[in-house]
Amino acid sequence: MTFKTQRTVSRFVVAAFVLLSFVFLAGAAVAADGHVITDQLGRTVRIPPKVERVVCLQHHTLNIILELGRGDKLVGVVEKWQGLLGDYIAKVYPRLKTLPTPGGLNEINVEAIASLRPDVVFVAHQLPKPFIEKLEKLGIPIVILSFYIADREQASTIHPDLVDPEAAYAQGLPQAIRLIAQVVDAEKRGEELIAFINESRTLVQKTLKGISPKDHVRVYMANPDMYTYGTGKYTGVAMNRAGAHNVAEAVKGYKQVNIEQIVKWDPEVIFVQSRYASVLDQIKKDPAWRGISAVKKGRLLIAPEYTKPWGHPCPESMALGELWLAKQFYPKRFAKIDVDAIVQKFYKKFYGVDYKSTL
């Protein structure tokens, strides 16, 4: 090798070393600053490298943080969380009772949140923009989740107009779980949670195989003050995936209906959430309901706490709720499937407790 060649090689080596050093230092700088994620409203958010203090002002997100085993990071939670998640959650995680509640789904106390010195704040997708802008001005990272896939306009509304609701929620829940898990450093557990959901969904699909949509059971979900869930909400998706037809599909979002409409729909099954069990007592006593098929045949159901048949899905909704509903609608097909055992497996794995029904 000539001297000239040696000098050229040396220059190349030095240049390569400088370039690699630059890349390493740049990477270290990025690591020091944290990482960037895109939330479900399409916003880019820089997350600190170490998240230890979390304020969670959205109940679905709170539910998932607990399932991911990161409840110890919570320093503030959504107000009225017991009413939103049900009393059972306090038995699963008693520490929630001691935490401050600096805001809700539609309104927050910016000063109270700032005083908690959070590394990140999770908020509901319908939270008005001025609140978000105030938090951003304080330099507090805010992650917004909708639990469904949609464009930014639809993702920020409480009653979205979804072209394909089933696909929107089927893709949206896993995406939300992965985002939350990434923020709270629980990605492995997040994937385990998604795998459990997928396994349960496959079981339901296989067991219902061969049932035509035209033969789906007609179902109505009752709520206080004659409210029900219609199209665009996960509840209707859950019914459909459990082999049922939501008789209120013409209703958009969560709306109030009247007894005349329900009589005309004539559902074969009526069910309520466990927290609204008293609604079934009202239905049984009211003569106006007596001509409806579900009432005449006594097919009035109270969904256990773990089913969580809400407007937006939780992991339990898809992993346990759809399975429970399907078994109620088609008991013969699901006769050999032990739903209680699957529920216990879920609660033991993701909450660390045995599930004990309060019904």
Protein backbone atom coordinates (compact mmCIF):
# COMPACT_ATOMS: atom_id res chain seq x y z
CA MET A 1 0.00 0.00 0.00
CA THR A 2 1.44 3.42 -0.98
CA PHE A 3 1.70 6.35 1.42
CA LYS A 4 -1.00 8.18 -0.56
CA THR A 5 -3.34 5.21 -0.29
CA GLN A 6 -2.66 4.90 3.45
CA ARG A 7 -3.46 8.56 3.96
CA THR A 8 -6.74 8.21 2.02
CA VAL A 9 -7.76 5.18 4.11
CA SER A 10 -6.88 7.04 7.32
CA ARG A 11 -9.02 9.99 6.28
CA PHE A 12 -11.91 7.63 5.53
CA VAL A 13 -11.59 5.94 8.93
CA VAL A 14 -11.51 9.28 10.74
CA ALA A 15 -14.53 10.53 8.79
CA ALA A 16 -16.43 7.34 9.53
CA PHE A 17 -15.56 7.61 13.24
CA VAL A 18 -16.75 11.22 13.35
CA LEU A 19 -20.00 10.28 11.59
CA LEU A 20 -20.65 7.36 13.94
CA SER A 21 -19.90 9.55 16.94
CA PHE A 22 -22.39 12.13 15.68
CA VAL A 23 -25.08 9.49 15.21
CA PHE A 24 -24.40 8.05 18.68
CA LEU A 25 -24.53 11.48 20.32
CA ALA A 26 -27.67 12.40 18.41
CA GLY A 27 -29.29 9.15 19.53
CA ALA A 28 -28.24 9.82 23.10
CA ALA A 29 -29.75 13.29 22.89
CA VAL A 30 -33.04 11.87 21.62
CA ALA A 31 -33.01 9.27 24.40
CA ALA A 32 -32.35 12.04 26.95
CA ASP A 33 -35.28 14.05 25.59
CA GLY A 34 -37.60 11.03 25.53
CA HIS A 35 -39.47 9.81 22.49
CA VAL A 36 -42.28 11.02 20.25
CA ILE A 37 -45.61 9.25 19.85
CA THR A 38 -48.70 10.01 17.79
CA ASP A 39 -51.91 9.87 19.79
CA GLN A 40 -55.33 8.91 18.41
CA LEU A 41 -56.15 12.46 17.39
CA GLY A 42 -53.05 12.47 15.19
CA ARG A 43 -51.12 14.78 17.54
CA THR A 44 -47.38 14.27 18.00
CA VAL A 45 -46.43 14.23 21.67
CA ARG A 46 -42.93 14.10 23.15
CA ILE A 47 -42.91 11.73 26.12
CA PRO A 48 -40.19 12.08 28.81
CA PRO A 49 -37.59 9.28 28.94
CA LYS A 50 -38.90 8.17 32.32
CA VAL A 51 -42.59 8.50 33.19
CA GLU A 52 -43.19 8.16 36.92
CA ARG A 53 -46.11 10.56 37.57
CA VAL A 54 -49.31 10.10 35.57
CA VAL A 55 -52.58 12.01 35.73
CA CYS A 56 -55.35 10.03 34.03
CA LEU A 57 -58.59 11.86 33.30
CA GLN A 58 -60.29 9.23 31.17
CA HIS A 59 -61.81 6.09 32.68
CA HIS A 60 -61.05 3.64 29.85
CA THR A 61 -57.40 4.67 30.00
CA LEU A 62 -57.41 4.38 33.79
CA ASN A 63 -58.81 0.87 33.46
CA ILE A 64 -56.00 -0.14 31.09
CA ILE A 65 -53.24 1.43 33.23
CA LEU A 66 -54.39 -0.76 36.13
CA GLU A 67 -54.44 -3.85 33.89
CA LEU A 68 -50.91 -3.05 32.76
CA GLY A 69 -49.80 -3.10 36.39
CA ARG A 70 -48.82 0.57 36.41
CA GLY A 71 -51.28 1.90 38.99
CA ASP A 72 -48.34 2.94 41.17
CA LYS A 73 -47.55 5.71 38.65
CA LEU A 74 -50.93 7.41 39.13
CA VAL A 75 -50.92 10.74 41.00
CA GLY A 76 -54.35 11.94 39.85
CA VAL A 77 -57.44 10.32 38.33
CA VAL A 78 -60.69 11.25 36.62
CA GLU A 79 -63.44 12.54 38.88
CA LYS A 80 -66.43 10.27 39.53
CA TRP A 81 -64.28 7.28 38.58
CA GLN A 82 -66.38 4.94 40.72
CA GLY A 83 -69.52 5.82 38.81
CA LEU A 84 -67.70 5.48 35.48
CA LEU A 85 -65.83 2.24 36.20
CA GLY A 86 -68.15 0.71 38.79
CA ASP A 87 -67.60 0.08 42.49
CA TYR A 88 -65.71 -3.13 41.82
CA ILE A 89 -62.62 -1.29 40.63
CA ALA A 90 -62.09 0.10 44.14
CA LYS A 91 -61.87 -3.45 45.45
CA VAL A 92 -59.33 -4.30 42.78
CA TYR A 93 -57.24 -1.18 43.44
CA PRO A 94 -58.12 0.50 46.79
CA ARG A 95 -55.43 3.19 46.35
CA LEU A 96 -57.71 4.99 43.87
CA LYS A 97 -59.75 6.30 46.82
CA THR A 98 -56.73 8.28 48.05
CA LEU A 99 -55.88 10.01 44.77
CA PRO A 100 -56.90 13.59 43.85
CA THR A 101 -59.41 14.09 41.02
CA PRO A 102 -58.38 17.25 39.13
CA GLY A 103 -60.85 16.94 36.28
CA GLY A 104 -63.35 14.95 34.28
CA LEU A 105 -64.15 14.02 30.72
CA ASN A 106 -65.32 17.47 29.60
CA GLU A 107 -63.70 19.89 32.03
CA ILE A 108 -60.41 19.94 33.96
CA ASN A 109 -58.67 22.07 36.59
CA VAL A 110 -55.41 23.07 34.90
CA GLU A 111 -53.88 24.56 38.07
CA ALA A 112 -54.68 21.44 40.10
CA ILE A 113 -53.12 19.22 37.42
CA ALA A 114 -49.96 21.36 37.28
CA SER A 115 -49.61 21.14 41.08
CA LEU A 116 -49.34 17.34 40.78
CA ARG A 117 -46.20 17.72 38.63
CA PRO A 118 -47.21 15.04 36.11
CA ASP A 119 -44.82 13.62 33.53
CA VAL A 120 -47.81 12.98 31.27
CA VAL A 121 -51.57 13.55 31.30
CA PHE A 122 -54.15 11.33 29.60
CA VAL A 123 -57.42 13.07 28.71
CA ALA A 124 -60.69 12.17 26.97
CA HIS A 125 -60.97 12.81 23.25
CA GLN A 126 -64.00 15.08 23.72
CA LEU A 127 -62.17 17.46 26.08
CA PRO A 128 -62.61 21.02 24.70
CA LYS A 129 -59.56 22.38 22.91
CA PRO A 130 -58.97 25.41 25.23
CA PHE A 131 -58.16 23.06 28.14
CA ILE A 132 -55.66 21.17 26.01
CA GLU A 133 -53.99 24.39 24.89
CA LYS A 134 -53.60 25.57 28.49
CA LEU A 135 -51.83 22.35 29.46
CA GLU A 136 -49.61 22.54 26.39
CA LYS A 137 -48.55 26.09 27.32
CA LEU A 138 -47.36 24.72 30.65
CA GLY A 139 -45.20 22.20 28.80
CA ILE A 140 -47.14 19.21 30.08
CA PRO A 141 -47.33 16.28 27.60
CA ILE A 142 -50.95 15.38 26.86
CA VAL A 143 -52.02 12.09 25.26
CA ILE A 144 -55.55 11.92 23.84
CA LEU A 145 -57.22 8.59 23.11
CA SER A 146 -60.53 7.86 21.37
CA PHE A 147 -60.37 4.02 21.31
CA TYR A 148 -61.46 3.96 17.69
CA ILE A 149 -59.80 4.76 14.35
CA ALA A 150 -61.14 7.83 12.55
CA ASP A 151 -60.01 11.12 11.05
CA ARG A 152 -59.20 13.93 13.48
CA GLU A 153 -62.65 15.52 13.28
CA GLN A 154 -64.51 12.29 14.07
CA ALA A 155 -61.92 11.15 16.61
CA SER A 156 -62.57 14.23 18.75
CA THR A 157 -66.35 13.90 18.96
CA ILE A 158 -68.34 11.93 21.51
CA HIS A 159 -70.79 10.69 18.85
CA PRO A 160 -68.65 9.81 15.82
CA ASP A 161 -70.02 9.11 12.37
CA LEU A 162 -68.05 5.96 11.54
CA VAL A 163 -68.18 4.36 8.09
CA ASP A 164 -67.24 0.95 9.53
CA PRO A 165 -67.73 0.98 13.34
CA GLU A 166 -66.60 -2.63 13.79
CA ALA A 167 -63.25 -2.01 12.07
CA ALA A 168 -62.85 1.34 13.82
CA TYR A 169 -63.11 -0.21 17.30
CA ALA A 170 -61.38 -3.51 16.44
CA GLN A 171 -58.30 -1.54 15.37
CA GLY A 172 -58.69 1.35 17.79
CA LEU A 173 -58.60 -0.56 21.08
CA PRO A 174 -55.29 -2.40 20.38
CA GLN A 175 -53.77 0.84 19.14
CA ALA A 176 -54.82 2.60 22.36
CA ILE A 177 -53.44 -0.22 24.52
CA ARG A 178 -50.08 -0.04 22.72
CA LEU A 179 -49.90 3.74 23.12
CA ILE A 180 -50.67 3.59 26.84
CA ALA A 181 -48.24 0.70 27.34
CA GLN A 182 -45.51 2.61 25.52
CA VAL A 183 -46.00 5.67 27.72
CA VAL A 184 -46.02 3.78 31.05
CA ASP A 185 -43.28 1.31 30.04
CA ALA A 186 -45.40 -1.85 29.96
CA GLU A 187 -45.20 -2.89 26.31
CA LYS A 188 -44.77 -6.62 26.95
CA ARG A 189 -47.82 -6.72 29.21
CA GLY A 190 -49.74 -4.65 26.65
CA GLU A 191 -49.11 -7.29 24.01
CA GLU A 192 -50.26 -9.99 26.44
CA LEU A 193 -53.48 -8.06 26.99
CA ILE A 194 -54.08 -7.77 23.24
CA ALA A 195 -53.32 -11.49 22.77
CA PHE A 196 -55.94 -12.39 25.41
CA ILE A 197 -58.52 -10.24 23.60
CA ASN A 198 -57.73 -11.85 20.24
CA GLU A 199 -57.94 -15.37 21.67
CA SER A 200 -61.36 -14.70 23.17
CA ARG A 201 -62.60 -13.01 20.00
CA THR A 202 -61.53 -16.05 17.95
CA LEU A 203 -63.41 -18.35 20.32
CA VAL A 204 -66.62 -16.33 19.90
CA GLN A 205 -66.27 -16.17 16.12
CA LYS A 206 -65.74 -19.94 15.80
CA THR A 207 -68.66 -20.76 18.08
CA LEU A 208 -71.06 -18.45 16.21
CA LYS A 209 -69.92 -19.60 12.77
CA GLY A 210 -72.81 -20.33 10.42
CA ILE A 211 -75.37 -17.96 11.98
CA SER A 212 -76.73 -15.60 9.35
CA PRO A 213 -77.10 -11.91 10.31
CA LYS A 214 -80.81 -12.16 9.45
CA ASP A 215 -81.14 -14.73 12.25
CA HIS A 216 -79.41 -12.59 14.88
CA VAL A 217 -81.27 -12.15 18.15
CA ARG A 218 -82.99 -8.74 18.43
CA VAL A 219 -81.55 -6.97 21.49
CA TYR A 220 -82.15 -3.70 23.31
CA MET A 221 -79.81 -2.20 25.90
CA ALA A 222 -81.73 -0.29 28.58
CA ASN A 223 -80.28 2.60 30.57
CA PRO A 224 -81.69 5.13 33.06
CA ASP A 225 -84.22 7.68 31.78
CA MET A 226 -84.89 5.71 28.58
CA TYR A 227 -81.43 6.29 27.10
CA THR A 228 -79.81 3.72 24.84
CA TYR A 229 -76.78 3.20 22.62
CA GLY A 230 -77.24 3.36 18.86
CA THR A 231 -74.96 3.39 15.84
CA GLY A 232 -71.40 4.72 16.10
CA LYS A 233 -70.99 3.35 19.62
CA TYR A 234 -69.06 0.23 20.60
CA THR A 235 -72.12 -1.27 22.34
CA GLY A 236 -73.80 -1.94 19.00
CA VAL A 237 -70.58 -3.46 17.68
CA ALA A 238 -70.37 -5.76 20.72
CA MET A 239 -73.95 -6.93 20.16
CA ASN A 240 -73.30 -7.67 16.51
CA ARG A 241 -70.08 -9.58 17.27
CA ALA A 242 -72.01 -11.58 19.87
CA GLY A 243 -74.59 -12.60 17.27
CA ALA A 244 -77.21 -9.97 18.04
CA HIS A 245 -78.96 -7.14 16.23
CA ASN A 246 -79.16 -3.82 18.07
CA VAL A 247 -82.79 -2.79 17.55
CA ALA A 248 -81.78 0.84 18.22
CA GLU A 249 -79.29 0.98 15.34
CA ALA A 250 -81.20 3.89 13.77
CA VAL A 251 -80.33 6.02 16.79
CA LYS A 252 -77.06 7.92 16.52
CA GLY A 253 -74.83 7.82 19.58
CA TYR A 254 -76.26 7.72 23.11
CA LYS A 255 -79.79 9.12 22.95
CA GLN A 256 -83.09 9.12 24.75
CA VAL A 257 -85.91 7.11 23.15
CA ASN A 258 -89.55 6.48 24.06
CA ILE A 259 -91.58 3.42 24.92
CA GLU A 260 -93.50 3.61 21.64
CA GLN A 261 -90.25 3.12 19.72
CA ILE A 262 -89.21 0.19 21.89
CA VAL A 263 -92.61 -1.49 21.51
CA LYS A 264 -92.27 -1.15 17.74
CA TRP A 265 -88.75 -2.61 17.82
CA ASP A 266 -90.00 -5.50 19.99
CA PRO A 267 -86.61 -6.81 21.23
CA GLU A 268 -86.27 -10.49 22.10
CA VAL A 269 -83.71 -9.71 24.82
CA ILE A 270 -83.22 -6.64 27.03
CA PHE A 271 -80.07 -6.18 29.08
CA VAL A 272 -78.65 -3.54 31.42
CA GLN A 273 -75.28 -2.84 32.99
CA SER A 274 -74.95 -4.09 36.57
CA ARG A 275 -74.70 -0.50 37.85
CA TYR A 276 -78.19 0.14 36.39
CA ALA A 277 -79.86 -3.04 37.64
CA SER A 278 -82.75 -1.00 39.05
CA VAL A 279 -83.79 -0.17 35.47
CA LEU A 280 -84.92 -3.79 35.01
CA ASP A 281 -87.10 -3.51 38.12
CA GLN A 282 -88.77 -0.47 36.59
CA ILE A 283 -89.34 -2.33 33.31
CA LYS A 284 -90.95 -5.29 35.11
CA LYS A 285 -93.33 -3.02 37.01
CA ASP A 286 -94.34 -0.75 34.12
CA PRO A 287 -97.41 -2.08 32.21
CA ALA A 288 -96.24 -0.29 29.04
CA TRP A 289 -93.44 -2.86 28.65
CA ARG A 290 -95.52 -6.00 29.13
CA GLY A 291 -96.29 -6.60 25.46
CA ILE A 292 -92.61 -6.66 24.45
CA SER A 293 -91.25 -10.13 23.63
CA ALA A 294 -88.27 -9.91 26.00
CA VAL A 295 -90.55 -9.04 28.94
CA LYS A 296 -93.16 -11.68 28.12
CA LYS A 297 -90.49 -14.39 27.87
CA GLY A 298 -88.47 -13.15 30.85
CA ARG A 299 -85.30 -12.58 28.82
CA LEU A 300 -84.12 -9.65 30.94
CA LEU A 301 -80.41 -9.73 31.70
CA ILE A 302 -78.04 -7.91 34.04
CA ALA A 303 -74.55 -7.77 32.56
CA PRO A 304 -71.82 -8.39 35.19
CA GLU A 305 -69.29 -5.64 35.97
CA TYR A 306 -66.60 -7.29 33.88
CA THR A 307 -68.56 -7.05 30.63
CA LYS A 308 -68.28 -3.24 30.50
CA PRO A 309 -70.69 -2.76 27.56
CA TRP A 310 -70.00 0.96 27.21
CA GLY A 311 -69.95 3.40 24.34
CA HIS A 312 -66.19 2.82 23.96
CA PRO A 313 -64.48 -0.53 24.54
CA CYS A 314 -62.17 -1.66 27.32
CA PRO A 315 -60.09 -4.84 27.16
CA GLU A 316 -62.74 -6.62 29.26
CA SER A 317 -65.44 -5.51 26.82
CA MET A 318 -63.87 -7.43 23.95
CA ALA A 319 -62.20 -10.22 25.92
CA LEU A 320 -65.07 -11.00 28.32
CA GLY A 321 -68.13 -8.90 27.50
CA GLU A 322 -68.69 -10.14 23.96
CA LEU A 323 -68.19 -13.71 25.15
CA TRP A 324 -70.71 -13.32 27.99
CA LEU A 325 -73.28 -11.73 25.67
CA ALA A 326 -72.88 -14.48 23.05
CA LYS A 327 -73.42 -17.17 25.67
CA GLN A 328 -76.63 -15.46 26.85
CA PHE A 329 -77.95 -15.21 23.31
CA TYR A 330 -76.92 -18.74 22.24
CA PRO A 331 -76.62 -20.87 25.41
CA LYS A 332 -76.65 -24.21 23.56
CA ARG A 333 -73.74 -23.27 21.31
CA PHE A 334 -71.70 -22.08 24.29
CA ALA A 335 -72.74 -24.86 26.70
CA LYS A 336 -69.22 -26.32 26.89
CA ILE A 337 -67.47 -22.97 27.26
CA ASP A 338 -66.75 -22.01 30.87
CA VAL A 339 -67.04 -18.22 30.78
CA ASP A 340 -66.47 -17.94 34.54
CA ALA A 341 -63.12 -19.72 34.23
CA ILE A 342 -62.03 -17.33 31.46
CA VAL A 343 -63.08 -14.36 33.60
CA GLN A 344 -61.03 -15.66 36.53
CA LYS A 345 -58.04 -16.18 34.27
CA PHE A 346 -58.27 -12.59 33.02
CA TYR A 347 -58.65 -11.02 36.47
CA LYS A 348 -55.88 -13.09 37.98
CA LYS A 349 -53.48 -12.29 35.13
CA PHE A 350 -54.18 -8.57 34.69
CA TYR A 351 -55.51 -7.44 38.08
CA GLY A 352 -53.85 -10.00 40.33
CA VAL A 353 -57.13 -10.86 42.10
CA ASP A 354 -59.94 -13.40 41.90
CA TYR A 355 -63.13 -12.02 40.44
CA LYS A 356 -66.05 -12.09 42.88
CA SER A 357 -69.43 -11.10 41.48
CA THR A 358 -71.47 -8.49 43.33
CA LEU A 359 -74.70 -9.49 41.59
